[in-house]
Amino acid sequence: MKILFLGGTGNISSACVAHALEKGYEVTIFSRGQSELKPDPRCKVVVGDRNDRVTLENLARDGRFDVIADFIAYTPADIETDLAAFSGKTGHYLFVSSASVYQKPPRNYLISETTPLANPYWEYARLKIACEDRLGRAYKEDRFPVTIVRPSYTFGPTWIPAAVGGHGYTNVFRLRHGLPIVSHGDGQSLWVMTFHTDFAQGFVGLFGQVRAIGEAFHITSDEVLTWDQIYQTIAEVAGVEARIVHLPSEVIATLHPPFGGTLLGDKAYSAVFDNSKIKRAVPGFKATVSFRDGIVQSLAWHDADPRRQRIDKKVNAALDQLVEVYQEIIARGAVVR
């Protein structure tokens, strides 16, 4: 099969490209060419702007791709560009959405593809929902061959996961220097971390499947951890003990609004996923990389080159502020819930 990736050098998409190549597929990557991860030399690389409809139309016409996978569509305008460029020019289009589209707050900790879509807290998720709605209409009205895929927190070697502080190296810097890190709530909400190579097996396994058209799937690990276990595992692999302070999610979001969307709109709630649907669609799919084994790879990647150990000064300052608030609350004898 001939595959076109819009994106292809990112945290998740790079693993999907690698798996597609392992399957023997002919892969073209369309991206801005600015990623830290360089494309596999076996790929054809086209550098351009995803908003350039004419370039995409020409690429689709000349490439005659069996499958087009879009990792970099975030708004309904992006979807309109794709529909104009790819309608009638591919047998299968996969849109990478997000598991953050599922109802917040959730009615049940166990999430399936039938869980309602609604997120009043995070614009990113609302835009992804709007994208899904538009693609759903295109499928129903014009038989556009779309499959929607919803990753939850998926990480590779270039990412170090966190609910508070982003996916960079800053939290590891703090851990290794004896500084507290921040966990929301009491740190006991449940979460699922998925390594990008596991996601890739399910994602690439959907390529060209007629029965997947018109359907939505999430693809995650089945390993369930608390957020404190996640941070403790990172600290253990980093060779230190974790110093964790806990603050309510609403307090964190109020004191540092940039943390608010991804926290209140996603990670503040327990999220465990029923993966029955992807397992039926891709027989043999099973996430095999534990969170600990994935973090070993992430820290090894960062430790291999000091230039990768970048500290976000704004994030670090925000974490300092949150820790100070925690210490003030404790000093007053209050109880943090």
C-alpha atoms as a PDB file:
ATOM      1  CA  MET A   1       0.000   0.000   0.000  1.00  0.00           C
ATOM      2  CA  LYS A   2       0.978   3.604  -0.573  1.00  0.00           C
ATOM      3  CA  ILE A   3       0.593   5.715   2.561  1.00  0.00           C
ATOM      4  CA  LEU A   4       0.649   9.480   3.023  1.00  0.00           C
ATOM      5  CA  PHE A   5       1.276  10.835   6.508  1.00  0.00           C
ATOM      6  CA  LEU A   6       0.401  14.445   7.190  1.00  0.00           C
ATOM      7  CA  GLY A   7       2.921  14.870   9.960  1.00  0.00           C
ATOM      8  CA  GLY A   8       5.069  11.813  10.430  1.00  0.00           C
ATOM      9  CA  THR A   9       7.969  13.094  12.503  1.00  0.00           C
ATOM     10  CA  GLY A  10       6.133  13.768  15.763  1.00  0.00           C
ATOM     11  CA  ASN A  11       5.902  11.976  19.087  1.00  0.00           C
ATOM     12  CA  ILE A  12       3.213   9.520  17.916  1.00  0.00           C
ATOM     13  CA  SER A  13       3.406   9.690  14.142  1.00  0.00           C
ATOM     14  CA  SER A  14       7.109   8.783  13.963  1.00  0.00           C
ATOM     15  CA  ALA A  15       6.358   5.362  15.459  1.00  0.00           C
ATOM     16  CA  CYS A  16       3.453   4.878  13.041  1.00  0.00           C
ATOM     17  CA  VAL A  17       5.731   5.675  10.095  1.00  0.00           C
ATOM     18  CA  ALA A  18       8.300   3.179  11.368  1.00  0.00           C
ATOM     19  CA  HIS A  19       5.668   0.460  11.739  1.00  0.00           C
ATOM     20  CA  ALA A  20       4.268   1.146   8.271  1.00  0.00           C
ATOM     21  CA  LEU A  21       7.762   0.751   6.829  1.00  0.00           C
ATOM     22  CA  GLU A  22       8.183  -2.511   8.734  1.00  0.00           C
ATOM     23  CA  LYS A  23       4.985  -3.726   7.059  1.00  0.00           C
ATOM     24  CA  GLY A  24       6.553  -3.012   3.680  1.00  0.00           C
ATOM     25  CA  TYR A  25       4.346  -0.044   2.821  1.00  0.00           C
ATOM     26  CA  GLU A  26       5.520   2.786   0.586  1.00  0.00           C
ATOM     27  CA  VAL A  27       5.485   5.882   2.793  1.00  0.00           C
ATOM     28  CA  THR A  28       5.393   9.591   1.982  1.00  0.00           C
ATOM     29  CA  ILE A  29       5.638  12.221   4.724  1.00  0.00           C
ATOM     30  CA  PHE A  30       4.238  15.716   4.295  1.00  0.00           C
ATOM     31  CA  SER A  31       5.423  18.123   6.989  1.00  0.00           C
ATOM     32  CA  ARG A  32       7.037  21.491   7.636  1.00  0.00           C
ATOM     33  CA  GLY A  33      10.430  19.824   8.035  1.00  0.00           C
ATOM     34  CA  GLN A  34      11.032  21.411  11.439  1.00  0.00           C
ATOM     35  CA  SER A  35      10.854  18.420  13.770  1.00  0.00           C
ATOM     36  CA  GLU A  36      13.732  17.364  15.974  1.00  0.00           C
ATOM     37  CA  LEU A  37      13.090  13.803  14.797  1.00  0.00           C
ATOM     38  CA  LYS A  38      14.371  13.248  11.279  1.00  0.00           C
ATOM     39  CA  PRO A  39      12.410  11.124   8.792  1.00  0.00           C
ATOM     40  CA  ASP A  40      13.498   7.610   7.988  1.00  0.00           C
ATOM     41  CA  PRO A  41      15.533   7.735   4.745  1.00  0.00           C
ATOM     42  CA  ARG A  42      13.224   5.110   3.233  1.00  0.00           C
ATOM     43  CA  CYS A  43      10.410   7.674   3.196  1.00  0.00           C
ATOM     44  CA  LYS A  44       9.682  10.180   0.494  1.00  0.00           C
ATOM     45  CA  VAL A  45       9.536  13.570   2.196  1.00  0.00           C
ATOM     46  CA  VAL A  46       7.531  16.527   0.921  1.00  0.00           C
ATOM     47  CA  VAL A  47       8.011  19.792   2.800  1.00  0.00           C
ATOM     48  CA  GLY A  48       5.099  22.190   2.840  1.00  0.00           C
ATOM     49  CA  ASP A  49       2.246  23.888   4.679  1.00  0.00           C
ATOM     50  CA  ARG A  50      -0.769  21.726   5.466  1.00  0.00           C
ATOM     51  CA  ASN A  51      -3.009  24.745   4.792  1.00  0.00           C
ATOM     52  CA  ASP A  52      -1.834  24.877   1.182  1.00  0.00           C
ATOM     53  CA  ARG A  53      -4.815  23.190  -0.468  1.00  0.00           C
ATOM     54  CA  VAL A  54      -3.352  23.238  -3.978  1.00  0.00           C
ATOM     55  CA  THR A  55      -0.173  21.482  -2.870  1.00  0.00           C
ATOM     56  CA  LEU A  56      -2.193  18.822  -1.052  1.00  0.00           C
ATOM     57  CA  GLU A  57      -4.472  18.325  -4.061  1.00  0.00           C
ATOM     58  CA  ASN A  58      -1.486  17.861  -6.346  1.00  0.00           C
ATOM     59  CA  LEU A  59       0.194  15.521  -3.891  1.00  0.00           C
ATOM     60  CA  ALA A  60      -2.916  13.359  -3.565  1.00  0.00           C
ATOM     61  CA  ARG A  61      -3.487  13.271  -7.319  1.00  0.00           C
ATOM     62  CA  ASP A  62       0.094  12.430  -8.225  1.00  0.00           C
ATOM     63  CA  GLY A  63       0.686  10.001  -5.361  1.00  0.00           C
ATOM     64  CA  ARG A  64      -2.554   8.019  -5.654  1.00  0.00           C
ATOM     65  CA  PHE A  65      -2.344   7.027  -1.998  1.00  0.00           C
ATOM     66  CA  ASP A  66      -4.302   4.094  -0.662  1.00  0.00           C
ATOM     67  CA  VAL A  67      -4.297   5.567   2.837  1.00  0.00           C
ATOM     68  CA  ILE A  68      -3.923   9.132   4.109  1.00  0.00           C
ATOM     69  CA  ALA A  69      -3.317   9.642   7.842  1.00  0.00           C
ATOM     70  CA  ASP A  70      -3.617  13.177   9.217  1.00  0.00           C
ATOM     71  CA  PHE A  71      -1.857  13.851  12.513  1.00  0.00           C
ATOM     72  CA  ILE A  72      -1.815  17.634  12.179  1.00  0.00           C
ATOM     73  CA  ALA A  73      -5.453  18.650  11.671  1.00  0.00           C
ATOM     74  CA  TYR A  74      -6.671  20.574  14.713  1.00  0.00           C
ATOM     75  CA  THR A  75      -9.532  22.754  13.485  1.00  0.00           C
ATOM     76  CA  PRO A  76     -12.584  22.419  11.243  1.00  0.00           C
ATOM     77  CA  ALA A  77     -10.768  24.642   8.724  1.00  0.00           C
ATOM     78  CA  ASP A  78      -8.021  22.011   8.517  1.00  0.00           C
ATOM     79  CA  ILE A  79     -10.669  19.378   7.828  1.00  0.00           C
ATOM     80  CA  GLU A  80     -12.233  21.466   5.068  1.00  0.00           C
ATOM     81  CA  THR A  81      -8.798  21.674   3.443  1.00  0.00           C
ATOM     82  CA  ASP A  82      -8.435  17.899   3.640  1.00  0.00           C
ATOM     83  CA  LEU A  83     -11.908  17.253   2.257  1.00  0.00           C
ATOM     84  CA  ALA A  84     -11.263  19.560  -0.681  1.00  0.00           C
ATOM     85  CA  ALA A  85      -7.875  17.985  -1.384  1.00  0.00           C
ATOM     86  CA  PHE A  86      -8.563  14.291  -0.794  1.00  0.00           C
ATOM     87  CA  SER A  87     -12.217  13.592  -1.641  1.00  0.00           C
ATOM     88  CA  GLY A  88     -12.290  10.973  -4.372  1.00  0.00           C
ATOM     89  CA  LYS A  89      -8.501  10.578  -4.240  1.00  0.00           C
ATOM     90  CA  THR A  90      -7.969   7.938  -1.548  1.00  0.00           C
ATOM     91  CA  GLY A  91      -9.594   4.764  -0.324  1.00  0.00           C
ATOM     92  CA  HIS A  92      -9.054   5.476   3.354  1.00  0.00           C
ATOM     93  CA  TYR A  93      -8.497   8.615   5.416  1.00  0.00           C
ATOM     94  CA  LEU A  94      -7.601   8.411   9.108  1.00  0.00           C
ATOM     95  CA  PHE A  95      -8.070  11.444  11.324  1.00  0.00           C
ATOM     96  CA  VAL A  96      -6.075  11.522  14.548  1.00  0.00           C
ATOM     97  CA  SER A  97      -8.389  13.047  17.127  1.00  0.00           C
ATOM     98  CA  SER A  98      -7.921  12.819  20.913  1.00  0.00           C
ATOM     99  CA  ALA A  99      -9.388  10.868  23.817  1.00  0.00           C
ATOM    100  CA  SER A 100      -9.848  14.242  25.525  1.00  0.00           C
ATOM    101  CA  VAL A 101     -13.032  14.584  23.450  1.00  0.00           C
ATOM    102  CA  TYR A 102     -14.842  12.189  25.775  1.00  0.00           C
ATOM    103  CA  GLN A 103     -17.334  13.629  28.246  1.00  0.00           C
ATOM    104  CA  LYS A 104     -15.885  15.695  31.087  1.00  0.00           C
ATOM    105  CA  PRO A 105     -16.599  15.136  33.872  1.00  0.00           C
ATOM    106  CA  PRO A 106     -17.088  11.459  32.988  1.00  0.00           C
ATOM    107  CA  ARG A 107     -20.124   9.501  34.132  1.00  0.00           C
ATOM    108  CA  ASN A 108     -18.026   6.360  34.354  1.00  0.00           C
ATOM    109  CA  TYR A 109     -14.294   5.870  34.779  1.00  0.00           C
ATOM    110  CA  LEU A 110     -14.329   3.171  32.046  1.00  0.00           C
ATOM    111  CA  ILE A 111     -14.429   4.790  28.611  1.00  0.00           C
ATOM    112  CA  SER A 112     -15.636   3.166  25.407  1.00  0.00           C
ATOM    113  CA  GLU A 113     -16.172   4.589  21.943  1.00  0.00           C
ATOM    114  CA  THR A 114     -19.858   5.056  22.809  1.00  0.00           C
ATOM    115  CA  THR A 115     -19.018   7.461  25.650  1.00  0.00           C
ATOM    116  CA  PRO A 116     -20.537  10.869  24.767  1.00  0.00           C
ATOM    117  CA  LEU A 117     -18.277  13.599  23.413  1.00  0.00           C
ATOM    118  CA  ALA A 118     -18.331  16.828  25.437  1.00  0.00           C
ATOM    119  CA  ASN A 119     -15.564  18.914  26.969  1.00  0.00           C
ATOM    120  CA  PRO A 120     -16.466  22.365  28.314  1.00  0.00           C
ATOM    121  CA  TYR A 121     -12.994  22.914  29.816  1.00  0.00           C
ATOM    122  CA  TRP A 122     -10.550  22.625  26.920  1.00  0.00           C
ATOM    123  CA  GLU A 123     -10.737  24.353  23.555  1.00  0.00           C
ATOM    124  CA  TYR A 124      -8.331  21.832  21.990  1.00  0.00           C
ATOM    125  CA  ALA A 125     -10.820  19.027  22.724  1.00  0.00           C
ATOM    126  CA  ARG A 126     -13.807  21.056  21.532  1.00  0.00           C
ATOM    127  CA  LEU A 127     -12.061  21.746  18.223  1.00  0.00           C
ATOM    128  CA  LYS A 128     -11.300  18.051  17.822  1.00  0.00           C
ATOM    129  CA  ILE A 129     -14.986  17.295  18.446  1.00  0.00           C
ATOM    130  CA  ALA A 130     -15.924  19.816  15.753  1.00  0.00           C
ATOM    131  CA  CYS A 131     -13.482  18.120  13.378  1.00  0.00           C
ATOM    132  CA  GLU A 132     -15.065  14.750  14.102  1.00  0.00           C
ATOM    133  CA  ASP A 133     -18.545  16.172  13.536  1.00  0.00           C
ATOM    134  CA  ARG A 134     -17.560  17.557  10.138  1.00  0.00           C
ATOM    135  CA  LEU A 135     -15.955  14.298   9.085  1.00  0.00           C
ATOM    136  CA  GLY A 136     -19.032  12.411  10.257  1.00  0.00           C
ATOM    137  CA  ARG A 137     -21.191  14.518   7.969  1.00  0.00           C
ATOM    138  CA  ALA A 138     -18.771  13.989   5.097  1.00  0.00           C
ATOM    139  CA  TYR A 139     -19.023  10.224   5.601  1.00  0.00           C
ATOM    140  CA  LYS A 140     -22.818  10.205   5.801  1.00  0.00           C
ATOM    141  CA  GLU A 141     -23.484  12.675   3.004  1.00  0.00           C
ATOM    142  CA  ASP A 142     -20.601  12.033   0.589  1.00  0.00           C
ATOM    143  CA  ARG A 143     -19.260   8.623   1.670  1.00  0.00           C
ATOM    144  CA  PHE A 144     -15.875  10.140   2.460  1.00  0.00           C
ATOM    145  CA  PRO A 145     -13.872   7.112   3.691  1.00  0.00           C
ATOM    146  CA  VAL A 146     -12.937   8.338   7.162  1.00  0.00           C
ATOM    147  CA  THR A 147     -11.837   6.501  10.292  1.00  0.00           C
ATOM    148  CA  ILE A 148     -11.408   8.482  13.516  1.00  0.00           C
ATOM    149  CA  VAL A 149      -8.671   7.450  15.945  1.00  0.00           C
ATOM    150  CA  ARG A 150      -8.431   8.831  19.487  1.00  0.00           C
ATOM    151  CA  PRO A 151      -5.112   8.446  21.294  1.00  0.00           C
ATOM    152  CA  SER A 152      -4.973   9.193  24.990  1.00  0.00           C
ATOM    153  CA  TYR A 153      -1.653  10.143  26.631  1.00  0.00           C
ATOM    154  CA  THR A 154       0.810   8.517  24.237  1.00  0.00           C
ATOM    155  CA  PHE A 155       4.531   9.071  24.646  1.00  0.00           C
ATOM    156  CA  GLY A 156       7.801   8.116  23.042  1.00  0.00           C
ATOM    157  CA  PRO A 157      11.460   8.688  23.890  1.00  0.00           C
ATOM    158  CA  THR A 158      11.243  12.441  23.300  1.00  0.00           C
ATOM    159  CA  TRP A 159       8.444  12.874  25.871  1.00  0.00           C
ATOM    160  CA  ILE A 160       8.430  12.541  29.668  1.00  0.00           C
ATOM    161  CA  PRO A 161       4.780  12.509  30.745  1.00  0.00           C
ATOM    162  CA  ALA A 162       3.242  14.726  33.400  1.00  0.00           C
ATOM    163  CA  ALA A 163      -0.209  16.054  34.199  1.00  0.00           C
ATOM    164  CA  VAL A 164       1.217  19.244  35.728  1.00  0.00           C
ATOM    165  CA  GLY A 165       4.192  20.773  33.951  1.00  0.00           C
ATOM    166  CA  GLY A 166       4.005  19.404  30.431  1.00  0.00           C
ATOM    167  CA  HIS A 167       5.921  16.634  28.693  1.00  0.00           C
ATOM    168  CA  GLY A 168       9.401  18.147  28.768  1.00  0.00           C
ATOM    169  CA  TYR A 169      12.423  17.540  30.982  1.00  0.00           C
ATOM    170  CA  THR A 170      11.530  20.124  33.650  1.00  0.00           C
ATOM    171  CA  ASN A 171       9.942  17.709  36.134  1.00  0.00           C
ATOM    172  CA  VAL A 172      12.907  15.349  35.884  1.00  0.00           C
ATOM    173  CA  PHE A 173      15.242  18.278  36.524  1.00  0.00           C
ATOM    174  CA  ARG A 174      13.285  19.049  39.658  1.00  0.00           C
ATOM    175  CA  LEU A 175      13.294  15.450  40.823  1.00  0.00           C
ATOM    176  CA  ARG A 176      17.030  15.130  40.295  1.00  0.00           C
ATOM    177  CA  HIS A 177      17.678  18.341  42.212  1.00  0.00           C
ATOM    178  CA  GLY A 178      15.529  17.414  45.199  1.00  0.00           C
ATOM    179  CA  LEU A 179      12.751  19.852  44.324  1.00  0.00           C
ATOM    180  CA  PRO A 180       9.088  18.903  44.794  1.00  0.00           C
ATOM    181  CA  ILE A 181       6.869  18.231  41.821  1.00  0.00           C
ATOM    182  CA  VAL A 182       3.110  18.748  41.800  1.00  0.00           C
ATOM    183  CA  SER A 183       0.394  16.128  41.488  1.00  0.00           C
ATOM    184  CA  HIS A 184      -3.246  17.134  41.133  1.00  0.00           C
ATOM    185  CA  GLY A 185      -5.872  16.091  43.657  1.00  0.00           C
ATOM    186  CA  ASP A 186      -4.588  13.394  45.978  1.00  0.00           C
ATOM    187  CA  GLY A 187      -2.567  11.740  43.215  1.00  0.00           C
ATOM    188  CA  GLN A 188      -4.787   8.654  43.255  1.00  0.00           C
ATOM    189  CA  SER A 189      -6.903   9.193  40.145  1.00  0.00           C
ATOM    190  CA  LEU A 190      -6.405   6.446  37.578  1.00  0.00           C
ATOM    191  CA  TRP A 191      -4.680   6.968  34.265  1.00  0.00           C
ATOM    192  CA  VAL A 192      -3.366   5.037  31.276  1.00  0.00           C
ATOM    193  CA  MET A 193      -0.036   5.732  29.565  1.00  0.00           C
ATOM    194  CA  THR A 194       0.608   4.271  26.121  1.00  0.00           C
ATOM    195  CA  PHE A 195       3.997   3.917  24.454  1.00  0.00           C
ATOM    196  CA  HIS A 196       3.998   5.150  20.881  1.00  0.00           C
ATOM    197  CA  THR A 197       5.128   1.840  19.336  1.00  0.00           C
ATOM    198  CA  ASP A 198       2.119   0.101  20.895  1.00  0.00           C
ATOM    199  CA  PHE A 199      -0.236   2.740  19.539  1.00  0.00           C
ATOM    200  CA  ALA A 200       1.384   2.335  16.113  1.00  0.00           C
ATOM    201  CA  GLN A 201       0.507  -1.348  15.935  1.00  0.00           C
ATOM    202  CA  GLY A 202      -3.178  -0.638  16.350  1.00  0.00           C
ATOM    203  CA  PHE A 203      -3.166   2.445  14.151  1.00  0.00           C
ATOM    204  CA  VAL A 204      -1.320   0.943  11.184  1.00  0.00           C
ATOM    205  CA  GLY A 205      -3.374  -2.224  11.604  1.00  0.00           C
ATOM    206  CA  LEU A 206      -6.450  -0.212  10.596  1.00  0.00           C
ATOM    207  CA  PHE A 207      -4.962   0.872   7.257  1.00  0.00           C
ATOM    208  CA  GLY A 208      -7.127  -0.135   4.335  1.00  0.00           C
ATOM    209  CA  GLN A 209      -9.759  -1.871   6.451  1.00  0.00           C
ATOM    210  CA  VAL A 210     -13.132  -1.300   4.809  1.00  0.00           C
ATOM    211  CA  ARG A 211     -14.960  -2.257   8.001  1.00  0.00           C
ATOM    212  CA  ALA A 212     -13.142   0.525   9.864  1.00  0.00           C
ATOM    213  CA  ILE A 213     -14.557   3.233   7.593  1.00  0.00           C
ATOM    214  CA  GLY A 214     -17.165   5.331   9.336  1.00  0.00           C
ATOM    215  CA  GLU A 215     -15.976   4.106  12.725  1.00  0.00           C
ATOM    216  CA  ALA A 216     -14.076   5.613  15.667  1.00  0.00           C
ATOM    217  CA  PHE A 217     -11.468   3.831  17.775  1.00  0.00           C
ATOM    218  CA  HIS A 218      -9.317   4.675  20.724  1.00  0.00           C
ATOM    219  CA  ILE A 219      -5.995   2.871  21.106  1.00  0.00           C
ATOM    220  CA  THR A 220      -4.376   2.695  24.541  1.00  0.00           C
ATOM    221  CA  SER A 221      -2.508   0.445  26.909  1.00  0.00           C
ATOM    222  CA  ASP A 222      -4.422  -1.687  29.404  1.00  0.00           C
ATOM    223  CA  GLU A 223      -1.967  -0.894  32.209  1.00  0.00           C
ATOM    224  CA  VAL A 224      -3.676   1.325  34.790  1.00  0.00           C
ATOM    225  CA  LEU A 225      -1.676   3.502  37.189  1.00  0.00           C
ATOM    226  CA  THR A 226      -2.380   6.311  39.623  1.00  0.00           C
ATOM    227  CA  TRP A 227      -0.727   9.643  38.891  1.00  0.00           C
ATOM    228  CA  ASP A 228       1.438   9.270  41.967  1.00  0.00           C
ATOM    229  CA  GLN A 229       2.585   5.873  40.665  1.00  0.00           C
ATOM    230  CA  ILE A 230       3.442   7.528  37.358  1.00  0.00           C
ATOM    231  CA  TYR A 231       5.607  10.155  39.054  1.00  0.00           C
ATOM    232  CA  GLN A 232       7.166   7.618  41.401  1.00  0.00           C
ATOM    233  CA  THR A 233       8.118   5.445  38.441  1.00  0.00           C
ATOM    234  CA  ILE A 234       9.758   8.380  36.671  1.00  0.00           C
ATOM    235  CA  ALA A 235      11.703   9.210  39.825  1.00  0.00           C
ATOM    236  CA  GLU A 236      12.799   5.603  40.302  1.00  0.00           C
ATOM    237  CA  VAL A 237      14.102   5.375  36.745  1.00  0.00           C
ATOM    238  CA  ALA A 238      15.809   8.758  37.230  1.00  0.00           C
ATOM    239  CA  GLY A 239      17.578   7.319  40.262  1.00  0.00           C
ATOM    240  CA  VAL A 240      15.949   9.467  42.949  1.00  0.00           C
ATOM    241  CA  GLU A 241      13.018   9.476  45.342  1.00  0.00           C
ATOM    242  CA  ALA A 242       9.973  11.488  44.353  1.00  0.00           C
ATOM    243  CA  ARG A 243       8.983  14.501  46.428  1.00  0.00           C
ATOM    244  CA  ILE A 244       5.347  15.070  45.490  1.00  0.00           C
ATOM    245  CA  VAL A 245       2.989  17.745  46.752  1.00  0.00           C
ATOM    246  CA  HIS A 246      -0.747  17.646  46.085  1.00  0.00           C
ATOM    247  CA  LEU A 247      -3.081  20.494  45.216  1.00  0.00           C
ATOM    248  CA  PRO A 248      -6.672  20.527  43.950  1.00  0.00           C
ATOM    249  CA  SER A 249      -6.913  20.733  40.182  1.00  0.00           C
ATOM    250  CA  GLU A 250      -8.998  23.906  40.389  1.00  0.00           C
ATOM    251  CA  VAL A 251      -6.315  25.606  42.478  1.00  0.00           C
ATOM    252  CA  ILE A 252      -3.619  24.644  39.990  1.00  0.00           C
ATOM    253  CA  ALA A 253      -5.704  25.918  37.075  1.00  0.00           C
ATOM    254  CA  THR A 254      -6.499  29.177  38.849  1.00  0.00           C
ATOM    255  CA  LEU A 255      -2.919  29.930  39.855  1.00  0.00           C
ATOM    256  CA  HIS A 256      -1.474  28.963  36.472  1.00  0.00           C
ATOM    257  CA  PRO A 257      -4.144  29.099  33.727  1.00  0.00           C
ATOM    258  CA  PRO A 258      -1.896  27.514  31.023  1.00  0.00           C
ATOM    259  CA  PHE A 259      -2.175  24.263  33.010  1.00  0.00           C
ATOM    260  CA  GLY A 260      -5.951  24.568  33.212  1.00  0.00           C
ATOM    261  CA  GLY A 261      -7.178  23.211  29.882  1.00  0.00           C
ATOM    262  CA  THR A 262      -5.160  20.029  29.794  1.00  0.00           C
ATOM    263  CA  LEU A 263      -5.818  19.405  33.502  1.00  0.00           C
ATOM    264  CA  LEU A 264      -9.513  20.247  33.963  1.00  0.00           C
ATOM    265  CA  GLY A 265     -10.277  19.148  30.406  1.00  0.00           C
ATOM    266  CA  ASP A 266      -8.454  15.832  30.596  1.00  0.00           C
ATOM    267  CA  LYS A 267      -6.104  14.631  33.296  1.00  0.00           C
ATOM    268  CA  ALA A 268      -7.970  15.656  36.439  1.00  0.00           C
ATOM    269  CA  TYR A 269     -10.336  12.706  35.981  1.00  0.00           C
ATOM    270  CA  SER A 270      -9.718   8.984  36.071  1.00  0.00           C
ATOM    271  CA  ALA A 271      -9.517   7.599  32.561  1.00  0.00           C
ATOM    272  CA  VAL A 272      -9.428   3.874  31.832  1.00  0.00           C
ATOM    273  CA  PHE A 273     -10.202   2.644  28.337  1.00  0.00           C
ATOM    274  CA  ASP A 274     -12.106  -0.366  27.048  1.00  0.00           C
ATOM    275  CA  ASN A 275      -9.963  -1.458  24.082  1.00  0.00           C
ATOM    276  CA  SER A 276     -12.282  -4.224  22.917  1.00  0.00           C
ATOM    277  CA  LYS A 277     -13.138  -2.481  19.655  1.00  0.00           C
ATOM    278  CA  ILE A 278      -9.563  -1.987  18.411  1.00  0.00           C
ATOM    279  CA  LYS A 279      -8.730  -5.553  19.454  1.00  0.00           C
ATOM    280  CA  ARG A 280     -11.590  -6.850  17.336  1.00  0.00           C
ATOM    281  CA  ALA A 281     -10.571  -4.714  14.374  1.00  0.00           C
ATOM    282  CA  VAL A 282      -6.849  -5.545  14.620  1.00  0.00           C
ATOM    283  CA  PRO A 283      -6.555  -9.158  15.786  1.00  0.00           C
ATOM    284  CA  GLY A 284      -3.476  -9.689  17.912  1.00  0.00           C
ATOM    285  CA  PHE A 285      -3.213  -6.062  18.967  1.00  0.00           C
ATOM    286  CA  LYS A 286      -1.920  -5.800  22.512  1.00  0.00           C
ATOM    287  CA  ALA A 287       0.077  -3.078  24.200  1.00  0.00           C
ATOM    288  CA  THR A 288       3.267  -4.735  25.448  1.00  0.00           C
ATOM    289  CA  VAL A 289       5.504  -1.857  26.607  1.00  0.00           C
ATOM    290  CA  SER A 290       5.012  -1.123  30.302  1.00  0.00           C
ATOM    291  CA  PHE A 291       5.104   2.460  31.483  1.00  0.00           C
ATOM    292  CA  ARG A 292       8.350   1.796  33.312  1.00  0.00           C
ATOM    293  CA  ASP A 293      10.020   0.332  30.214  1.00  0.00           C
ATOM    294  CA  GLY A 294       8.848   3.291  28.167  1.00  0.00           C
ATOM    295  CA  ILE A 295      10.244   5.762  30.687  1.00  0.00           C
ATOM    296  CA  VAL A 296      13.578   3.954  30.619  1.00  0.00           C
ATOM    297  CA  GLN A 297      13.728   4.777  26.898  1.00  0.00           C
ATOM    298  CA  SER A 298      12.605   8.370  27.461  1.00  0.00           C
ATOM    299  CA  LEU A 299      15.221   9.117  30.096  1.00  0.00           C
ATOM    300  CA  ALA A 300      17.919   7.357  28.083  1.00  0.00           C
ATOM    301  CA  TRP A 301      17.116   9.604  25.106  1.00  0.00           C
ATOM    302  CA  HIS A 302      17.304  12.753  27.224  1.00  0.00           C
ATOM    303  CA  ASP A 303      20.419  11.630  29.095  1.00  0.00           C
ATOM    304  CA  ALA A 304      22.237  10.823  25.851  1.00  0.00           C
ATOM    305  CA  ASP A 305      22.576  14.507  24.965  1.00  0.00           C
ATOM    306  CA  PRO A 306      22.580  17.376  27.494  1.00  0.00           C
ATOM    307  CA  ARG A 307      21.070  19.641  24.840  1.00  0.00           C
ATOM    308  CA  ARG A 308      17.867  17.620  25.126  1.00  0.00           C
ATOM    309  CA  GLN A 309      17.583  18.381  28.843  1.00  0.00           C
ATOM    310  CA  ARG A 310      15.828  21.687  28.334  1.00  0.00           C
ATOM    311  CA  ILE A 311      14.297  23.417  31.343  1.00  0.00           C
ATOM    312  CA  ASP A 312      11.162  25.462  30.702  1.00  0.00           C
ATOM    313  CA  LYS A 313      11.785  28.473  32.951  1.00  0.00           C
ATOM    314  CA  LYS A 314       8.131  29.526  32.969  1.00  0.00           C
ATOM    315  CA  VAL A 315       6.944  26.047  33.886  1.00  0.00           C
ATOM    316  CA  ASN A 316       9.634  25.728  36.549  1.00  0.00           C
ATOM    317  CA  ALA A 317       8.611  29.063  38.069  1.00  0.00           C
ATOM    318  CA  ALA A 318       4.955  28.046  38.005  1.00  0.00           C
ATOM    319  CA  LEU A 319       5.780  24.813  39.822  1.00  0.00           C
ATOM    320  CA  ASP A 320       7.737  26.790  42.414  1.00  0.00           C
ATOM    321  CA  GLN A 321       4.681  28.994  42.943  1.00  0.00           C
ATOM    322  CA  LEU A 322       2.393  25.986  43.353  1.00  0.00           C
ATOM    323  CA  VAL A 323       4.760  24.417  45.863  1.00  0.00           C
ATOM    324  CA  GLU A 324       4.818  27.680  47.843  1.00  0.00           C
ATOM    325  CA  VAL A 325       1.018  27.704  47.971  1.00  0.00           C
ATOM    326  CA  TYR A 326       1.031  24.116  49.196  1.00  0.00           C
ATOM    327  CA  GLN A 327       3.561  24.950  51.907  1.00  0.00           C
ATOM    328  CA  GLU A 328       1.492  27.955  53.022  1.00  0.00           C
ATOM    329  CA  ILE A 329      -1.611  25.792  53.305  1.00  0.00           C
ATOM    330  CA  ILE A 330       0.250  23.197  55.344  1.00  0.00           C
ATOM    331  CA  ALA A 331       1.733  25.910  57.565  1.00  0.00           C
ATOM    332  CA  ARG A 332      -1.775  27.153  58.349  1.00  0.00           C
ATOM    333  CA  GLY A 333      -2.771  23.651  59.358  1.00  0.00           C
ATOM    334  CA  ALA A 334      -5.266  23.246  56.524  1.00  0.00           C
ATOM    335  CA  VAL A 335      -5.875  19.939  54.834  1.00  0.00           C
ATOM    336  CA  VAL A 336      -5.389  19.697  51.072  1.00  0.00           C
ATOM    337  CA  ARG A 337      -8.001  17.586  49.334  1.00  0.00           C
END
